[in-house]
């Protein structure tokens, strides 16, 4: 099941809110080399380029479907390439990532690697969802362990690689000393009803499960998930508090 830009952008405004928080830490200088890891459809990469005028900005994403949409943002100084976060190389003044590295395994290895991409005097700026313990997200794992889904998945269950704040702080300290900021913020989203939570997770958390489930079981999984969500949140509207981790580090 490929990434669906339309499904992902159904809550575009809510997903874009943390971008402002990350960008507030960026040091604007002339002629920066910038890479956006997991750029998706490129709207935020374009906004990043606007905030860093005169810079050369590259957006990288592993989804051809997302990058097809990103091509309309291409302009002098802004381009996009197909690739994975794990295999990116080079040296950059700004290594930026918005809502992407939570899909990459082993953050204890990943974070030093990302710091290693930053030039001396440059910055690493990252935002990642840390909402894996929200009841709506835990429910997906619970249903995946029920039949007929458990057999169809071969017992597979996605384990989030997201670390706690202290662990990210320790990793950054080992890489850049005390030149970093790490914090978690809860973004308050008011959704129409419980089904809107299912619509939200359909564009993100559910994707790897539907990649592995036979198409014939997608609807049954969704129906069971939506039914349980409605029992958990019977009233409307629904408060959906979404936790996100942000860290910014400057390389000496």
C-alpha atoms as a PDB file:
ATOM      1  CA  UNK A   1       0.000   0.000   0.000  1.00  0.00           C
ATOM      2  CA  UNK A   2       1.809   3.151  -1.171  1.00  0.00           C
ATOM      3  CA  UNK A   3       1.640   6.446   0.668  1.00  0.00           C
ATOM      4  CA  UNK A   4      -1.449   8.419  -0.329  1.00  0.00           C
ATOM      5  CA  UNK A   5      -0.798  12.179  -0.497  1.00  0.00           C
ATOM      6  CA  UNK A   6      -4.536  12.931  -0.478  1.00  0.00           C
ATOM      7  CA  UNK A   7      -5.169  10.947   2.699  1.00  0.00           C
ATOM      8  CA  UNK A   8      -2.106  12.411   4.402  1.00  0.00           C
ATOM      9  CA  UNK A   9      -3.111  15.982   3.535  1.00  0.00           C
ATOM     10  CA  UNK A  10      -6.653  15.623   4.890  1.00  0.00           C
ATOM     11  CA  UNK A  11      -5.267  17.119   8.122  1.00  0.00           C
ATOM     12  CA  UNK A  12      -2.604  19.235   6.460  1.00  0.00           C
ATOM     13  CA  UNK A  13      -3.042  22.315   8.637  1.00  0.00           C
ATOM     14  CA  UNK A  14      -2.728  20.305  11.849  1.00  0.00           C
ATOM     15  CA  UNK A  15       0.304  18.401  10.592  1.00  0.00           C
ATOM     16  CA  UNK A  16       2.053  21.609   9.544  1.00  0.00           C
ATOM     17  CA  UNK A  17       1.747  23.371  12.928  1.00  0.00           C
ATOM     18  CA  UNK A  18       5.005  21.982  14.427  1.00  0.00           C
ATOM     19  CA  UNK A  19       6.948  23.265  11.425  1.00  0.00           C
ATOM     20  CA  UNK A  20       6.800  26.767  12.875  1.00  0.00           C
ATOM     21  CA  UNK A  21       8.209  25.574  16.194  1.00  0.00           C
ATOM     22  CA  UNK A  22      11.177  23.869  14.539  1.00  0.00           C
ATOM     23  CA  UNK A  23      11.927  26.773  12.216  1.00  0.00           C
ATOM     24  CA  UNK A  24      12.005  29.237  15.107  1.00  0.00           C
ATOM     25  CA  UNK A  25      15.362  27.699  16.114  1.00  0.00           C
ATOM     26  CA  UNK A  26      17.026  27.980  12.714  1.00  0.00           C
ATOM     27  CA  UNK A  27      19.887  30.422  12.253  1.00  0.00           C
ATOM     28  CA  UNK A  28      19.372  32.268   8.976  1.00  0.00           C
ATOM     29  CA  UNK A  29      22.599  32.797   7.042  1.00  0.00           C
ATOM     30  CA  UNK A  30      23.515  33.347   3.414  1.00  0.00           C
ATOM     31  CA  UNK A  31      24.117  30.513   0.945  1.00  0.00           C
ATOM     32  CA  UNK A  32      23.253  27.585   3.189  1.00  0.00           C
ATOM     33  CA  UNK A  33      23.212  24.020   1.917  1.00  0.00           C
ATOM     34  CA  UNK A  34      20.030  22.396   3.240  1.00  0.00           C
ATOM     35  CA  UNK A  35      18.585  18.897   3.101  1.00  0.00           C
ATOM     36  CA  UNK A  36      15.021  18.025   4.128  1.00  0.00           C
ATOM     37  CA  UNK A  37      14.808  14.345   5.080  1.00  0.00           C
ATOM     38  CA  UNK A  38      11.410  12.785   4.429  1.00  0.00           C
ATOM     39  CA  UNK A  39      10.124  15.815   2.520  1.00  0.00           C
ATOM     40  CA  UNK A  40       6.825  14.257   1.443  1.00  0.00           C
ATOM     41  CA  UNK A  41       4.959  16.371  -1.089  1.00  0.00           C
ATOM     42  CA  UNK A  42       7.359  19.263  -0.679  1.00  0.00           C
ATOM     43  CA  UNK A  43       5.165  22.110   0.561  1.00  0.00           C
ATOM     44  CA  UNK A  44       7.140  22.466   3.775  1.00  0.00           C
ATOM     45  CA  UNK A  45      10.429  22.099   1.907  1.00  0.00           C
ATOM     46  CA  UNK A  46       9.394  25.076  -0.206  1.00  0.00           C
ATOM     47  CA  UNK A  47       8.492  27.028   2.947  1.00  0.00           C
ATOM     48  CA  UNK A  48      11.861  26.089   4.415  1.00  0.00           C
ATOM     49  CA  UNK A  49      13.583  27.415   1.296  1.00  0.00           C
ATOM     50  CA  UNK A  50      11.593  30.660   1.596  1.00  0.00           C
ATOM     51  CA  UNK A  51      12.832  31.095   5.177  1.00  0.00           C
ATOM     52  CA  UNK A  52      16.448  30.550   4.130  1.00  0.00           C
ATOM     53  CA  UNK A  53      16.764  32.804   1.068  1.00  0.00           C
ATOM     54  CA  UNK A  54      19.734  32.200  -1.187  1.00  0.00           C
ATOM     55  CA  UNK A  55      20.135  28.643   0.047  1.00  0.00           C
ATOM     56  CA  UNK A  56      20.377  25.452  -1.996  1.00  0.00           C
ATOM     57  CA  UNK A  57      17.693  23.091  -0.707  1.00  0.00           C
ATOM     58  CA  UNK A  58      17.249  19.389  -1.479  1.00  0.00           C
ATOM     59  CA  UNK A  59      14.186  17.394  -0.430  1.00  0.00           C
ATOM     60  CA  UNK A  60      14.560  13.630  -0.132  1.00  0.00           C
ATOM     61  CA  UNK A  61      11.762  11.090   0.218  1.00  0.00           C
ATOM     62  CA  UNK A  62      11.350   7.352  -0.338  1.00  0.00           C
ATOM     63  CA  UNK A  63       7.813   7.624  -1.756  1.00  0.00           C
ATOM     64  CA  UNK A  64       7.492   8.111  -5.539  1.00  0.00           C
ATOM     65  CA  UNK A  65       3.858   9.096  -5.002  1.00  0.00           C
ATOM     66  CA  UNK A  66       4.836  11.906  -2.633  1.00  0.00           C
ATOM     67  CA  UNK A  67       7.689  13.107  -4.853  1.00  0.00           C
ATOM     68  CA  UNK A  68       5.429  13.241  -7.892  1.00  0.00           C
ATOM     69  CA  UNK A  69       3.414  15.889  -6.060  1.00  0.00           C
ATOM     70  CA  UNK A  70       6.605  17.646  -4.889  1.00  0.00           C
ATOM     71  CA  UNK A  71       7.817  18.334  -8.412  1.00  0.00           C
ATOM     72  CA  UNK A  72       5.499  21.332  -8.758  1.00  0.00           C
ATOM     73  CA  UNK A  73       7.587  23.087  -6.088  1.00  0.00           C
ATOM     74  CA  UNK A  74      10.843  22.736  -8.062  1.00  0.00           C
ATOM     75  CA  UNK A  75      12.591  26.026  -8.790  1.00  0.00           C
ATOM     76  CA  UNK A  76      16.168  27.336  -8.888  1.00  0.00           C
ATOM     77  CA  UNK A  77      17.751  26.398  -5.569  1.00  0.00           C
ATOM     78  CA  UNK A  78      15.037  23.838  -4.712  1.00  0.00           C
ATOM     79  CA  UNK A  79      14.901  20.270  -5.994  1.00  0.00           C
ATOM     80  CA  UNK A  80      13.766  16.810  -4.907  1.00  0.00           C
ATOM     81  CA  UNK A  81      15.246  13.321  -5.094  1.00  0.00           C
ATOM     82  CA  UNK A  82      14.104   9.792  -4.374  1.00  0.00           C
ATOM     83  CA  UNK A  83      16.045   8.283  -1.489  1.00  0.00           C
ATOM     84  CA  UNK A  84      15.936   7.037   2.089  1.00  0.00           C
ATOM     85  CA  UNK A  85      16.926   8.798   5.272  1.00  0.00           C
ATOM     86  CA  UNK A  86      19.256   5.949   6.197  1.00  0.00           C
ATOM     87  CA  UNK A  87      21.337   6.240   3.014  1.00  0.00           C
ATOM     88  CA  UNK A  88      21.729  10.022   2.701  1.00  0.00           C
ATOM     89  CA  UNK A  89      25.323  11.199   2.501  1.00  0.00           C
ATOM     90  CA  UNK A  90      27.165  14.509   2.172  1.00  0.00           C
ATOM     91  CA  UNK A  91      27.793  17.528   4.361  1.00  0.00           C
ATOM     92  CA  UNK A  92      25.100  20.152   4.942  1.00  0.00           C
ATOM     93  CA  UNK A  93      24.680  23.441   6.788  1.00  0.00           C
ATOM     94  CA  UNK A  94      21.152  22.461   7.815  1.00  0.00           C
ATOM     95  CA  UNK A  95      19.866  18.909   8.179  1.00  0.00           C
ATOM     96  CA  UNK A  96      16.098  19.231   8.619  1.00  0.00           C
ATOM     97  CA  UNK A  97      13.394  16.624   9.117  1.00  0.00           C
ATOM     98  CA  UNK A  98       9.691  17.074   9.797  1.00  0.00           C
ATOM     99  CA  UNK A  99       7.555  14.084  10.871  1.00  0.00           C
ATOM    100  CA  UNK A 100       9.722  11.461   9.174  1.00  0.00           C
ATOM    101  CA  UNK A 101      12.419   9.823  11.301  1.00  0.00           C
ATOM    102  CA  UNK A 102       9.890   7.920  13.429  1.00  0.00           C
ATOM    103  CA  UNK A 103       9.667   5.571  10.431  1.00  0.00           C
ATOM    104  CA  UNK A 104      13.394   4.784  10.689  1.00  0.00           C
ATOM    105  CA  UNK A 105      14.604   2.057  13.037  1.00  0.00           C
ATOM    106  CA  UNK A 106      17.308   2.285  15.714  1.00  0.00           C
ATOM    107  CA  UNK A 107      17.486   5.935  16.712  1.00  0.00           C
ATOM    108  CA  UNK A 108      20.560   5.255  18.838  1.00  0.00           C
ATOM    109  CA  UNK A 109      22.428   4.757  15.590  1.00  0.00           C
ATOM    110  CA  UNK A 110      20.397   7.196  13.507  1.00  0.00           C
ATOM    111  CA  UNK A 111      20.870  10.364  15.575  1.00  0.00           C
ATOM    112  CA  UNK A 112      24.713  10.294  15.526  1.00  0.00           C
ATOM    113  CA  UNK A 113      24.510   9.583  11.784  1.00  0.00           C
ATOM    114  CA  UNK A 114      22.309  12.647  11.237  1.00  0.00           C
ATOM    115  CA  UNK A 115      24.670  14.807  13.284  1.00  0.00           C
ATOM    116  CA  UNK A 116      27.469  13.452  11.121  1.00  0.00           C
ATOM    117  CA  UNK A 117      25.790  14.986   8.048  1.00  0.00           C
ATOM    118  CA  UNK A 118      26.024  18.480   9.567  1.00  0.00           C
ATOM    119  CA  UNK A 119      28.931  20.733   8.668  1.00  0.00           C
ATOM    120  CA  UNK A 120      30.848  22.456  11.492  1.00  0.00           C
ATOM    121  CA  UNK A 121      28.789  25.468  12.515  1.00  0.00           C
ATOM    122  CA  UNK A 122      25.642  23.937  11.041  1.00  0.00           C
ATOM    123  CA  UNK A 123      22.385  22.749  12.578  1.00  0.00           C
ATOM    124  CA  UNK A 124      20.303  19.608  12.907  1.00  0.00           C
ATOM    125  CA  UNK A 125      16.584  20.416  13.276  1.00  0.00           C
ATOM    126  CA  UNK A 126      14.067  17.599  13.749  1.00  0.00           C
ATOM    127  CA  UNK A 127      10.419  17.153  14.636  1.00  0.00           C
ATOM    128  CA  UNK A 128       8.965  13.679  15.047  1.00  0.00           C
ATOM    129  CA  UNK A 129       5.640  12.365  16.331  1.00  0.00           C
ATOM    130  CA  UNK A 130       5.917  10.790  19.782  1.00  0.00           C
ATOM    131  CA  UNK A 131       2.259   9.861  20.064  1.00  0.00           C
ATOM    132  CA  UNK A 132       2.791   6.102  19.964  1.00  0.00           C
ATOM    133  CA  UNK A 133       1.270   5.598  23.437  1.00  0.00           C
ATOM    134  CA  UNK A 134      -1.965   7.431  22.668  1.00  0.00           C
ATOM    135  CA  UNK A 135      -4.969   5.066  23.132  1.00  0.00           C
ATOM    136  CA  UNK A 136      -5.956   5.418  19.471  1.00  0.00           C
ATOM    137  CA  UNK A 137      -2.499   4.278  18.383  1.00  0.00           C
ATOM    138  CA  UNK A 138      -2.237   1.452  20.918  1.00  0.00           C
ATOM    139  CA  UNK A 139      -5.620   0.204  19.698  1.00  0.00           C
ATOM    140  CA  UNK A 140      -4.157  -0.477  16.239  1.00  0.00           C
ATOM    141  CA  UNK A 141      -1.616  -2.844  17.746  1.00  0.00           C
ATOM    142  CA  UNK A 142      -4.287  -4.550  19.829  1.00  0.00           C
ATOM    143  CA  UNK A 143      -6.474  -5.236  16.801  1.00  0.00           C
ATOM    144  CA  UNK A 144      -3.459  -6.452  14.824  1.00  0.00           C
ATOM    145  CA  UNK A 145      -3.058  -9.194  17.430  1.00  0.00           C
ATOM    146  CA  UNK A 146      -6.646 -10.372  16.968  1.00  0.00           C
ATOM    147  CA  UNK A 147      -7.845 -12.825  14.343  1.00  0.00           C
ATOM    148  CA  UNK A 148      -7.982 -12.959  11.392  1.00  0.00           C
ATOM    149  CA  UNK A 149      -5.403 -10.170  11.334  1.00  0.00           C
ATOM    150  CA  UNK A 150      -2.729 -11.781  13.502  1.00  0.00           C
ATOM    151  CA  UNK A 151      -2.480 -14.795  11.207  1.00  0.00           C
ATOM    152  CA  UNK A 152      -2.531 -12.649   8.070  1.00  0.00           C
ATOM    153  CA  UNK A 153       0.261 -10.483   9.487  1.00  0.00           C
ATOM    154  CA  UNK A 154       2.267 -13.481  10.607  1.00  0.00           C
ATOM    155  CA  UNK A 155       2.290 -12.035  14.115  1.00  0.00           C
ATOM    156  CA  UNK A 156       4.007  -8.871  12.898  1.00  0.00           C
ATOM    157  CA  UNK A 157       3.549  -5.812  15.104  1.00  0.00           C
ATOM    158  CA  UNK A 158       5.196  -2.464  14.538  1.00  0.00           C
ATOM    159  CA  UNK A 159       7.316  -1.345  17.488  1.00  0.00           C
ATOM    160  CA  UNK A 160       7.960   2.389  17.548  1.00  0.00           C
ATOM    161  CA  UNK A 161      11.658   3.364  17.536  1.00  0.00           C
ATOM    162  CA  UNK A 162      10.906   6.709  19.230  1.00  0.00           C
ATOM    163  CA  UNK A 163      13.004   7.314  22.348  1.00  0.00           C
ATOM    164  CA  UNK A 164      12.208   9.415  25.398  1.00  0.00           C
ATOM    165  CA  UNK A 165      13.478  12.989  25.780  1.00  0.00           C
ATOM    166  CA  UNK A 166      16.316  12.038  28.081  1.00  0.00           C
ATOM    167  CA  UNK A 167      17.625   9.476  25.616  1.00  0.00           C
ATOM    168  CA  UNK A 168      17.639  11.994  22.761  1.00  0.00           C
ATOM    169  CA  UNK A 169      19.370  14.505  25.017  1.00  0.00           C
ATOM    170  CA  UNK A 170      22.067  11.972  25.895  1.00  0.00           C
ATOM    171  CA  UNK A 171      22.669  11.114  22.232  1.00  0.00           C
ATOM    172  CA  UNK A 172      22.921  14.770  21.269  1.00  0.00           C
ATOM    173  CA  UNK A 173      25.236  15.531  24.177  1.00  0.00           C
ATOM    174  CA  UNK A 174      27.574  12.789  23.024  1.00  0.00           C
ATOM    175  CA  UNK A 175      27.604  14.317  19.523  1.00  0.00           C
ATOM    176  CA  UNK A 176      27.594  18.104  20.037  1.00  0.00           C
ATOM    177  CA  UNK A 177      28.116  18.750  23.745  1.00  0.00           C
ATOM    178  CA  UNK A 178      25.499  21.006  25.297  1.00  0.00           C
ATOM    179  CA  UNK A 179      24.645  22.880  22.081  1.00  0.00           C
ATOM    180  CA  UNK A 180      21.116  21.495  21.769  1.00  0.00           C
ATOM    181  CA  UNK A 181      17.479  21.864  22.779  1.00  0.00           C
ATOM    182  CA  UNK A 182      15.074  18.950  23.246  1.00  0.00           C
ATOM    183  CA  UNK A 183      11.424  19.197  24.234  1.00  0.00           C
ATOM    184  CA  UNK A 184       8.032  17.564  23.751  1.00  0.00           C
ATOM    185  CA  UNK A 185       4.877  19.497  22.996  1.00  0.00           C
ATOM    186  CA  UNK A 186       1.245  18.386  22.940  1.00  0.00           C
ATOM    187  CA  UNK A 187      -0.602  19.882  19.979  1.00  0.00           C
ATOM    188  CA  UNK A 188      -4.339  20.176  20.722  1.00  0.00           C
ATOM    189  CA  UNK A 189      -6.429  19.008  17.769  1.00  0.00           C
ATOM    190  CA  UNK A 190     -10.216  19.177  17.941  1.00  0.00           C
ATOM    191  CA  UNK A 191     -11.658  16.595  15.545  1.00  0.00           C
ATOM    192  CA  UNK A 192     -15.250  16.195  14.411  1.00  0.00           C
ATOM    193  CA  UNK A 193     -15.735  12.709  15.896  1.00  0.00           C
ATOM    194  CA  UNK A 194     -14.043   9.371  16.557  1.00  0.00           C
ATOM    195  CA  UNK A 195     -14.090   8.499  12.871  1.00  0.00           C
ATOM    196  CA  UNK A 196     -11.881  11.508  12.215  1.00  0.00           C
ATOM    197  CA  UNK A 197      -9.173   9.872  14.351  1.00  0.00           C
ATOM    198  CA  UNK A 198      -9.361   6.834  12.056  1.00  0.00           C
ATOM    199  CA  UNK A 199      -9.106   9.141   9.054  1.00  0.00           C
ATOM    200  CA  UNK A 200      -5.992  10.694  10.596  1.00  0.00           C
ATOM    201  CA  UNK A 201      -4.222   7.409  11.329  1.00  0.00           C
ATOM    202  CA  UNK A 202      -5.186   5.992   7.916  1.00  0.00           C
ATOM    203  CA  UNK A 203      -2.648   8.355   6.389  1.00  0.00           C
ATOM    204  CA  UNK A 204       0.158   7.408   8.787  1.00  0.00           C
ATOM    205  CA  UNK A 205       0.079   4.754  11.524  1.00  0.00           C
ATOM    206  CA  UNK A 206      -2.133   2.299   9.647  1.00  0.00           C
ATOM    207  CA  UNK A 207      -0.060   2.405   6.448  1.00  0.00           C
ATOM    208  CA  UNK A 208       2.536  -0.275   7.378  1.00  0.00           C
ATOM    209  CA  UNK A 209      -0.235  -2.606   8.583  1.00  0.00           C
ATOM    210  CA  UNK A 210      -2.192  -2.245   5.362  1.00  0.00           C
ATOM    211  CA  UNK A 211       1.016  -2.793   3.397  1.00  0.00           C
ATOM    212  CA  UNK A 212       1.185  -6.260   4.938  1.00  0.00           C
ATOM    213  CA  UNK A 213      -2.501  -7.173   5.182  1.00  0.00           C
ATOM    214  CA  UNK A 214      -4.294  -8.673   2.175  1.00  0.00           C
ATOM    215  CA  UNK A 215      -6.561  -6.152   0.490  1.00  0.00           C
ATOM    216  CA  UNK A 216      -9.569  -8.286   1.404  1.00  0.00           C
ATOM    217  CA  UNK A 217      -8.948  -7.600   5.120  1.00  0.00           C
ATOM    218  CA  UNK A 218      -8.479  -3.827   4.928  1.00  0.00           C
ATOM    219  CA  UNK A 219     -12.159  -2.995   5.275  1.00  0.00           C
ATOM    220  CA  UNK A 220     -12.660  -5.458   8.141  1.00  0.00           C
ATOM    221  CA  UNK A 221      -9.696  -3.987  10.033  1.00  0.00           C
ATOM    222  CA  UNK A 222     -10.994  -0.464   9.503  1.00  0.00           C
ATOM    223  CA  UNK A 223     -14.507  -1.393  10.624  1.00  0.00           C
ATOM    224  CA  UNK A 224     -13.255  -3.005  13.818  1.00  0.00           C
ATOM    225  CA  UNK A 225     -10.949  -0.058  14.506  1.00  0.00           C
ATOM    226  CA  UNK A 226     -13.638   2.563  13.916  1.00  0.00           C
ATOM    227  CA  UNK A 227     -16.150   0.671  16.047  1.00  0.00           C
ATOM    228  CA  UNK A 228     -13.729   0.569  18.992  1.00  0.00           C
ATOM    229  CA  UNK A 229     -12.839   4.242  18.550  1.00  0.00           C
ATOM    230  CA  UNK A 230     -16.508   5.195  18.696  1.00  0.00           C
ATOM    231  CA  UNK A 231     -16.861   3.355  21.994  1.00  0.00           C
ATOM    232  CA  UNK A 232     -13.785   5.111  23.372  1.00  0.00           C
ATOM    233  CA  UNK A 233     -14.949   8.566  22.199  1.00  0.00           C
ATOM    234  CA  UNK A 234     -18.760   8.472  21.978  1.00  0.00           C
ATOM    235  CA  UNK A 235     -19.190  12.245  22.236  1.00  0.00           C
ATOM    236  CA  UNK A 236     -18.385  14.979  19.743  1.00  0.00           C
ATOM    237  CA  UNK A 237     -16.220  16.835  19.066  1.00  0.00           C
ATOM    238  CA  UNK A 238     -13.151  14.791  20.070  1.00  0.00           C
ATOM    239  CA  UNK A 239     -10.017  16.198  21.673  1.00  0.00           C
ATOM    240  CA  UNK A 240      -7.024  14.538  20.051  1.00  0.00           C
ATOM    241  CA  UNK A 241      -3.888  15.583  21.891  1.00  0.00           C
ATOM    242  CA  UNK A 242      -0.885  14.803  19.696  1.00  0.00           C
ATOM    243  CA  UNK A 243       2.588  14.600  21.238  1.00  0.00           C
ATOM    244  CA  UNK A 244       5.607  15.608  19.183  1.00  0.00           C
ATOM    245  CA  UNK A 245       9.289  15.653  20.032  1.00  0.00           C
ATOM    246  CA  UNK A 246      11.446  18.504  18.737  1.00  0.00           C
ATOM    247  CA  UNK A 247      15.206  18.740  18.950  1.00  0.00           C
ATOM    248  CA  UNK A 248      17.665  21.195  17.465  1.00  0.00           C
ATOM    249  CA  UNK A 249      21.435  20.859  17.759  1.00  0.00           C
ATOM    250  CA  UNK A 250      24.269  23.125  16.639  1.00  0.00           C
ATOM    251  CA  UNK A 251      27.528  21.519  15.618  1.00  0.00           C
ATOM    252  CA  UNK A 252      30.653  23.280  16.968  1.00  0.00           C
END
